[in-house]
Amino acid sequence: MTRRLPAILAILALAAMGVLGLRSLTQKTTVATGPMQHRIDLVANVEAITTDAGWNMDGGRTHGAARFTLDDLRTLTVPDGTNVADYGLMPACGDLLTQKACVLLADMLGESVVWFALVPADTVAPTTELVMPGFTDMQENGDEAVFPNGWVMKLATPTKRTCADTDTSSLRDFITRFNGDAARSVVDLTTDRIVRVECVK
């Protein structure tokens, strides 16, 4: 029995390590179940869109290439197979022909578009502001807003809070009470940052 004891202890130790490893794997899998995040580096009015024949955005990717001419006179080429947004609360822009009807939101790698969304321009201030739904979380020490669909956008410092008859103690307090359809996030198209949040009642 004494000779077998080290072997028995070794087997028990290996079994314990296996249980801990399985628990760790399960925990990691649980954490990663939210929507994939896309950091929006570029927000810009679209002056014109030209595409290859048959271009579309079906199935979450582009089919064919497109060229977006922006209000700062840059032209971005979006190649075939580029990832397209899952819009969620934010509607997709349906008018790809009218000048400044759409705003481009893009996750960039250098000068290359790796993911993008085309959303409708604001009807009141289409060249200066973009109105988005309320965001639900913050990260990077409060420097970034996280929307329910995984979109991530930079926050201005400070971000103004507006709600006529409700006082909030902080931006965190505001987004806890008002988010999604219960709030608006106003993006400055010059700084590409959320500068103001407003409650919707």
C-alpha atoms as a PDB file:
ATOM      1  CA  MET A   1       0.000   0.000   0.000  1.00  0.00           C
ATOM      2  CA  THR A   2       2.862   2.364   0.879  1.00  0.00           C
ATOM      3  CA  ARG A   3       4.442   1.795  -2.541  1.00  0.00           C
ATOM      4  CA  ARG A   4       1.172   2.583  -4.311  1.00  0.00           C
ATOM      5  CA  LEU A   5       0.495   5.813  -2.390  1.00  0.00           C
ATOM      6  CA  PRO A   6       2.617   8.138  -4.615  1.00  0.00           C
ATOM      7  CA  ALA A   7       0.932   6.769  -7.731  1.00  0.00           C
ATOM      8  CA  ILE A   8      -2.541   7.235  -6.222  1.00  0.00           C
ATOM      9  CA  LEU A   9      -1.698  10.821  -5.183  1.00  0.00           C
ATOM     10  CA  ALA A  10      -0.395  11.577  -8.678  1.00  0.00           C
ATOM     11  CA  ILE A  11      -3.635  10.306 -10.250  1.00  0.00           C
ATOM     12  CA  LEU A  12      -5.729  12.408  -7.873  1.00  0.00           C
ATOM     13  CA  ALA A  13      -3.638  15.503  -8.657  1.00  0.00           C
ATOM     14  CA  LEU A  14      -4.090  15.016 -12.409  1.00  0.00           C
ATOM     15  CA  ALA A  15      -7.850  14.563 -11.955  1.00  0.00           C
ATOM     16  CA  ALA A  16      -8.059  17.786  -9.930  1.00  0.00           C
ATOM     17  CA  MET A  17      -6.115  19.694 -12.610  1.00  0.00           C
ATOM     18  CA  GLY A  18      -8.512  18.379 -15.253  1.00  0.00           C
ATOM     19  CA  VAL A  19     -11.556  19.587 -13.311  1.00  0.00           C
ATOM     20  CA  LEU A  20     -10.021  23.031 -12.793  1.00  0.00           C
ATOM     21  CA  GLY A  21      -9.084  23.261 -16.462  1.00  0.00           C
ATOM     22  CA  LEU A  22     -12.609  22.337 -17.566  1.00  0.00           C
ATOM     23  CA  ARG A  23     -14.096  24.914 -15.160  1.00  0.00           C
ATOM     24  CA  SER A  24     -11.739  27.600 -16.507  1.00  0.00           C
ATOM     25  CA  LEU A  25     -12.670  26.768 -20.104  1.00  0.00           C
ATOM     26  CA  THR A  26     -16.379  26.908 -19.248  1.00  0.00           C
ATOM     27  CA  GLN A  27     -15.970  30.310 -17.606  1.00  0.00           C
ATOM     28  CA  LYS A  28     -14.107  31.711 -20.621  1.00  0.00           C
ATOM     29  CA  THR A  29     -16.794  30.427 -22.967  1.00  0.00           C
ATOM     30  CA  THR A  30     -19.507  32.078 -20.869  1.00  0.00           C
ATOM     31  CA  VAL A  31     -17.753  35.475 -20.911  1.00  0.00           C
ATOM     32  CA  ALA A  32     -17.431  35.473 -24.710  1.00  0.00           C
ATOM     33  CA  THR A  33     -21.130  35.107 -25.524  1.00  0.00           C
ATOM     34  CA  GLY A  34     -21.902  38.849 -26.118  1.00  0.00           C
ATOM     35  CA  PRO A  35     -21.934  40.533 -29.541  1.00  0.00           C
ATOM     36  CA  MET A  36     -18.571  41.023 -31.215  1.00  0.00           C
ATOM     37  CA  GLN A  37     -17.258  44.537 -30.636  1.00  0.00           C
ATOM     38  CA  HIS A  38     -16.384  46.863 -33.521  1.00  0.00           C
ATOM     39  CA  ARG A  39     -14.458  50.011 -32.639  1.00  0.00           C
ATOM     40  CA  ILE A  40     -15.642  52.909 -34.810  1.00  0.00           C
ATOM     41  CA  ASP A  41     -12.555  54.905 -35.829  1.00  0.00           C
ATOM     42  CA  LEU A  42     -14.155  56.930 -38.626  1.00  0.00           C
ATOM     43  CA  VAL A  43     -17.480  58.797 -38.813  1.00  0.00           C
ATOM     44  CA  ALA A  44     -18.084  60.772 -42.021  1.00  0.00           C
ATOM     45  CA  ASN A  45     -20.766  62.063 -44.360  1.00  0.00           C
ATOM     46  CA  VAL A  46     -20.842  60.218 -47.667  1.00  0.00           C
ATOM     47  CA  GLU A  47     -20.901  62.478 -50.715  1.00  0.00           C
ATOM     48  CA  ALA A  48     -21.189  59.699 -53.281  1.00  0.00           C
ATOM     49  CA  ILE A  49     -21.090  55.922 -53.602  1.00  0.00           C
ATOM     50  CA  THR A  50     -19.951  54.087 -56.726  1.00  0.00           C
ATOM     51  CA  THR A  51     -20.036  50.302 -56.906  1.00  0.00           C
ATOM     52  CA  ASP A  52     -19.284  47.363 -59.118  1.00  0.00           C
ATOM     53  CA  ALA A  53     -22.242  45.953 -61.035  1.00  0.00           C
ATOM     54  CA  GLY A  54     -24.356  43.773 -58.775  1.00  0.00           C
ATOM     55  CA  TRP A  55     -22.768  45.103 -55.575  1.00  0.00           C
ATOM     56  CA  ASN A  56     -24.671  44.208 -52.402  1.00  0.00           C
ATOM     57  CA  MET A  57     -24.199  43.722 -48.664  1.00  0.00           C
ATOM     58  CA  ASP A  58     -26.075  40.439 -48.217  1.00  0.00           C
ATOM     59  CA  GLY A  59     -24.996  37.923 -45.593  1.00  0.00           C
ATOM     60  CA  GLY A  60     -22.860  40.298 -43.539  1.00  0.00           C
ATOM     61  CA  ARG A  61     -20.243  40.875 -46.268  1.00  0.00           C
ATOM     62  CA  THR A  62     -19.883  42.969 -49.398  1.00  0.00           C
ATOM     63  CA  HIS A  63     -20.194  41.263 -52.767  1.00  0.00           C
ATOM     64  CA  GLY A  64     -18.185  43.313 -55.223  1.00  0.00           C
ATOM     65  CA  ALA A  65     -16.175  46.473 -54.530  1.00  0.00           C
ATOM     66  CA  ALA A  66     -17.454  49.951 -53.648  1.00  0.00           C
ATOM     67  CA  ARG A  67     -15.911  53.421 -53.434  1.00  0.00           C
ATOM     68  CA  PHE A  68     -17.140  55.925 -50.835  1.00  0.00           C
ATOM     69  CA  THR A  69     -16.367  59.596 -51.479  1.00  0.00           C
ATOM     70  CA  LEU A  70     -16.406  61.398 -48.119  1.00  0.00           C
ATOM     71  CA  ASP A  71     -17.055  65.022 -47.169  1.00  0.00           C
ATOM     72  CA  ASP A  72     -13.316  65.585 -46.561  1.00  0.00           C
ATOM     73  CA  LEU A  73     -12.714  64.665 -50.240  1.00  0.00           C
ATOM     74  CA  ARG A  74     -11.158  61.286 -49.433  1.00  0.00           C
ATOM     75  CA  THR A  75     -12.255  58.243 -51.408  1.00  0.00           C
ATOM     76  CA  LEU A  76     -12.249  54.928 -49.572  1.00  0.00           C
ATOM     77  CA  THR A  77     -12.279  51.712 -51.553  1.00  0.00           C
ATOM     78  CA  VAL A  78     -14.180  48.896 -49.850  1.00  0.00           C
ATOM     79  CA  PRO A  79     -13.124  45.598 -51.434  1.00  0.00           C
ATOM     80  CA  ASP A  80     -15.184  42.501 -52.045  1.00  0.00           C
ATOM     81  CA  GLY A  81     -15.684  40.469 -48.862  1.00  0.00           C
ATOM     82  CA  THR A  82     -15.509  43.380 -46.376  1.00  0.00           C
ATOM     83  CA  ASN A  83     -17.495  42.835 -43.169  1.00  0.00           C
ATOM     84  CA  VAL A  84     -20.807  44.732 -42.883  1.00  0.00           C
ATOM     85  CA  ALA A  85     -22.584  45.727 -39.664  1.00  0.00           C
ATOM     86  CA  ASP A  86     -25.371  43.903 -37.908  1.00  0.00           C
ATOM     87  CA  TYR A  87     -27.387  47.056 -37.270  1.00  0.00           C
ATOM     88  CA  GLY A  88     -29.619  46.209 -34.306  1.00  0.00           C
ATOM     89  CA  LEU A  89     -31.173  49.404 -32.881  1.00  0.00           C
ATOM     90  CA  MET A  90     -29.626  51.636 -35.559  1.00  0.00           C
ATOM     91  CA  PRO A  91     -31.317  51.523 -38.979  1.00  0.00           C
ATOM     92  CA  ALA A  92     -29.332  51.028 -42.169  1.00  0.00           C
ATOM     93  CA  CYS A  93     -29.248  53.845 -44.708  1.00  0.00           C
ATOM     94  CA  GLY A  94     -31.663  53.027 -47.511  1.00  0.00           C
ATOM     95  CA  ASP A  95     -30.774  55.898 -49.869  1.00  0.00           C
ATOM     96  CA  LEU A  96     -27.381  55.212 -51.428  1.00  0.00           C
ATOM     97  CA  LEU A  97     -27.872  57.692 -54.288  1.00  0.00           C
ATOM     98  CA  THR A  98     -28.594  61.057 -52.617  1.00  0.00           C
ATOM     99  CA  GLN A  99     -25.605  63.167 -51.593  1.00  0.00           C
ATOM    100  CA  LYS A 100     -25.051  63.231 -47.797  1.00  0.00           C
ATOM    101  CA  ALA A 101     -28.018  60.906 -47.170  1.00  0.00           C
ATOM    102  CA  CYS A 102     -25.737  58.379 -45.430  1.00  0.00           C
ATOM    103  CA  VAL A 103     -23.071  58.526 -42.749  1.00  0.00           C
ATOM    104  CA  LEU A 104     -20.227  56.015 -42.817  1.00  0.00           C
ATOM    105  CA  LEU A 105     -19.163  54.381 -39.556  1.00  0.00           C
ATOM    106  CA  ALA A 106     -15.999  52.352 -40.038  1.00  0.00           C
ATOM    107  CA  ASP A 107     -13.550  50.200 -38.129  1.00  0.00           C
ATOM    108  CA  MET A 108     -10.225  51.018 -39.796  1.00  0.00           C
ATOM    109  CA  LEU A 109      -6.838  49.350 -40.060  1.00  0.00           C
ATOM    110  CA  GLY A 110      -4.650  52.167 -41.284  1.00  0.00           C
ATOM    111  CA  GLU A 111      -6.428  53.434 -44.385  1.00  0.00           C
ATOM    112  CA  SER A 112      -8.267  50.144 -44.965  1.00  0.00           C
ATOM    113  CA  VAL A 113     -11.889  49.501 -43.994  1.00  0.00           C
ATOM    114  CA  VAL A 114     -12.213  46.205 -42.122  1.00  0.00           C
ATOM    115  CA  TRP A 115     -15.865  46.676 -41.074  1.00  0.00           C
ATOM    116  CA  PHE A 116     -18.455  49.356 -41.770  1.00  0.00           C
ATOM    117  CA  ALA A 117     -22.037  50.527 -41.386  1.00  0.00           C
ATOM    118  CA  LEU A 118     -23.998  53.028 -43.481  1.00  0.00           C
ATOM    119  CA  VAL A 119     -26.616  54.792 -41.352  1.00  0.00           C
ATOM    120  CA  PRO A 120     -29.085  57.581 -42.221  1.00  0.00           C
ATOM    121  CA  ALA A 121     -27.814  61.136 -41.805  1.00  0.00           C
ATOM    122  CA  ASP A 122     -29.518  63.333 -39.224  1.00  0.00           C
ATOM    123  CA  THR A 123     -32.489  65.207 -40.702  1.00  0.00           C
ATOM    124  CA  VAL A 124     -31.904  68.385 -38.641  1.00  0.00           C
ATOM    125  CA  ALA A 125     -28.105  68.784 -38.786  1.00  0.00           C
ATOM    126  CA  PRO A 126     -26.893  66.270 -41.397  1.00  0.00           C
ATOM    127  CA  THR A 127     -23.428  67.770 -41.857  1.00  0.00           C
ATOM    128  CA  THR A 128     -22.531  68.379 -38.215  1.00  0.00           C
ATOM    129  CA  GLU A 129     -24.226  65.735 -36.045  1.00  0.00           C
ATOM    130  CA  LEU A 130     -25.333  62.121 -36.076  1.00  0.00           C
ATOM    131  CA  VAL A 131     -28.018  60.928 -33.666  1.00  0.00           C
ATOM    132  CA  MET A 132     -27.680  57.343 -32.442  1.00  0.00           C
ATOM    133  CA  PRO A 133     -29.584  55.327 -29.796  1.00  0.00           C
ATOM    134  CA  GLY A 134     -28.483  55.284 -26.177  1.00  0.00           C
ATOM    135  CA  PHE A 135     -25.469  53.169 -25.263  1.00  0.00           C
ATOM    136  CA  THR A 136     -25.534  50.672 -22.417  1.00  0.00           C
ATOM    137  CA  ASP A 137     -21.978  50.483 -21.110  1.00  0.00           C
ATOM    138  CA  MET A 138     -18.581  52.185 -21.018  1.00  0.00           C
ATOM    139  CA  GLN A 139     -15.027  50.885 -21.162  1.00  0.00           C
ATOM    140  CA  GLU A 140     -11.428  52.138 -21.242  1.00  0.00           C
ATOM    141  CA  ASN A 141     -11.949  54.110 -18.012  1.00  0.00           C
ATOM    142  CA  GLY A 142     -15.048  55.796 -19.385  1.00  0.00           C
ATOM    143  CA  ASP A 143     -13.452  56.948 -22.650  1.00  0.00           C
ATOM    144  CA  GLU A 144     -15.543  54.663 -24.899  1.00  0.00           C
ATOM    145  CA  ALA A 145     -19.270  53.994 -25.212  1.00  0.00           C
ATOM    146  CA  VAL A 146     -20.509  50.456 -25.893  1.00  0.00           C
ATOM    147  CA  PHE A 147     -23.822  50.007 -27.716  1.00  0.00           C
ATOM    148  CA  PRO A 148     -26.034  46.900 -27.296  1.00  0.00           C
ATOM    149  CA  ASN A 149     -25.045  45.616 -30.747  1.00  0.00           C
ATOM    150  CA  GLY A 150     -21.315  45.742 -29.903  1.00  0.00           C
ATOM    151  CA  TRP A 151     -20.471  49.033 -31.609  1.00  0.00           C
ATOM    152  CA  VAL A 152     -17.857  51.030 -29.702  1.00  0.00           C
ATOM    153  CA  MET A 153     -17.416  54.799 -30.063  1.00  0.00           C
ATOM    154  CA  LYS A 154     -15.232  57.396 -28.346  1.00  0.00           C
ATOM    155  CA  LEU A 155     -16.744  59.739 -25.780  1.00  0.00           C
ATOM    156  CA  ALA A 156     -15.976  63.455 -25.489  1.00  0.00           C
ATOM    157  CA  THR A 157     -14.583  64.714 -22.187  1.00  0.00           C
ATOM    158  CA  PRO A 158     -16.905  65.740 -20.711  1.00  0.00           C
ATOM    159  CA  THR A 159     -20.007  64.244 -22.336  1.00  0.00           C
ATOM    160  CA  LYS A 160     -22.985  66.505 -21.692  1.00  0.00           C
ATOM    161  CA  ARG A 161     -26.104  64.941 -20.124  1.00  0.00           C
ATOM    162  CA  THR A 162     -29.519  66.419 -20.980  1.00  0.00           C
ATOM    163  CA  CYS A 163     -32.807  65.366 -19.402  1.00  0.00           C
ATOM    164  CA  ALA A 164     -35.326  68.108 -18.662  1.00  0.00           C
ATOM    165  CA  ASP A 165     -36.854  66.934 -15.377  1.00  0.00           C
ATOM    166  CA  THR A 166     -34.430  64.231 -14.187  1.00  0.00           C
ATOM    167  CA  ASP A 167     -31.101  64.864 -12.471  1.00  0.00           C
ATOM    168  CA  THR A 168     -28.328  62.324 -12.947  1.00  0.00           C
ATOM    169  CA  SER A 169     -25.153  62.250 -10.883  1.00  0.00           C
ATOM    170  CA  SER A 170     -22.836  60.916 -13.595  1.00  0.00           C
ATOM    171  CA  LEU A 171     -22.746  59.535 -17.108  1.00  0.00           C
ATOM    172  CA  ARG A 172     -22.842  56.021 -15.651  1.00  0.00           C
ATOM    173  CA  ASP A 173     -25.977  56.955 -13.696  1.00  0.00           C
ATOM    174  CA  PHE A 174     -27.519  58.383 -16.888  1.00  0.00           C
ATOM    175  CA  ILE A 175     -26.947  55.283 -19.037  1.00  0.00           C
ATOM    176  CA  THR A 176     -28.236  53.042 -16.251  1.00  0.00           C
ATOM    177  CA  ARG A 177     -31.547  54.920 -16.285  1.00  0.00           C
ATOM    178  CA  PHE A 178     -31.721  55.810 -19.989  1.00  0.00           C
ATOM    179  CA  ASN A 179     -30.333  53.621 -22.786  1.00  0.00           C
ATOM    180  CA  GLY A 180     -31.402  52.018 -26.055  1.00  0.00           C
ATOM    181  CA  ASP A 181     -34.643  53.602 -27.279  1.00  0.00           C
ATOM    182  CA  ALA A 182     -34.911  55.596 -24.030  1.00  0.00           C
ATOM    183  CA  ALA A 183     -31.967  57.829 -24.967  1.00  0.00           C
ATOM    184  CA  ARG A 184     -30.161  59.531 -27.831  1.00  0.00           C
ATOM    185  CA  SER A 185     -26.403  59.737 -28.316  1.00  0.00           C
ATOM    186  CA  VAL A 186     -25.299  62.769 -30.335  1.00  0.00           C
ATOM    187  CA  VAL A 187     -22.057  62.373 -32.314  1.00  0.00           C
ATOM    188  CA  ASP A 188     -20.012  65.363 -33.483  1.00  0.00           C
ATOM    189  CA  LEU A 189     -19.029  64.660 -37.106  1.00  0.00           C
ATOM    190  CA  THR A 190     -15.880  66.770 -36.754  1.00  0.00           C
ATOM    191  CA  THR A 191     -14.402  65.023 -33.718  1.00  0.00           C
ATOM    192  CA  ASP A 192     -16.023  61.594 -34.315  1.00  0.00           C
ATOM    193  CA  ARG A 193     -16.994  61.508 -30.625  1.00  0.00           C
ATOM    194  CA  ILE A 194     -20.239  61.352 -28.665  1.00  0.00           C
ATOM    195  CA  VAL A 195     -20.591  64.835 -27.206  1.00  0.00           C
ATOM    196  CA  ARG A 196     -24.099  64.703 -25.714  1.00  0.00           C
ATOM    197  CA  VAL A 197     -26.656  62.209 -24.411  1.00  0.00           C
ATOM    198  CA  GLU A 198     -30.360  63.020 -24.151  1.00  0.00           C
ATOM    199  CA  CYS A 199     -33.158  61.120 -22.469  1.00  0.00           C
ATOM    200  CA  VAL A 200     -36.294  60.270 -24.459  1.00  0.00           C
ATOM    201  CA  LYS A 201     -39.622  60.303 -22.625  1.00  0.00           C
END
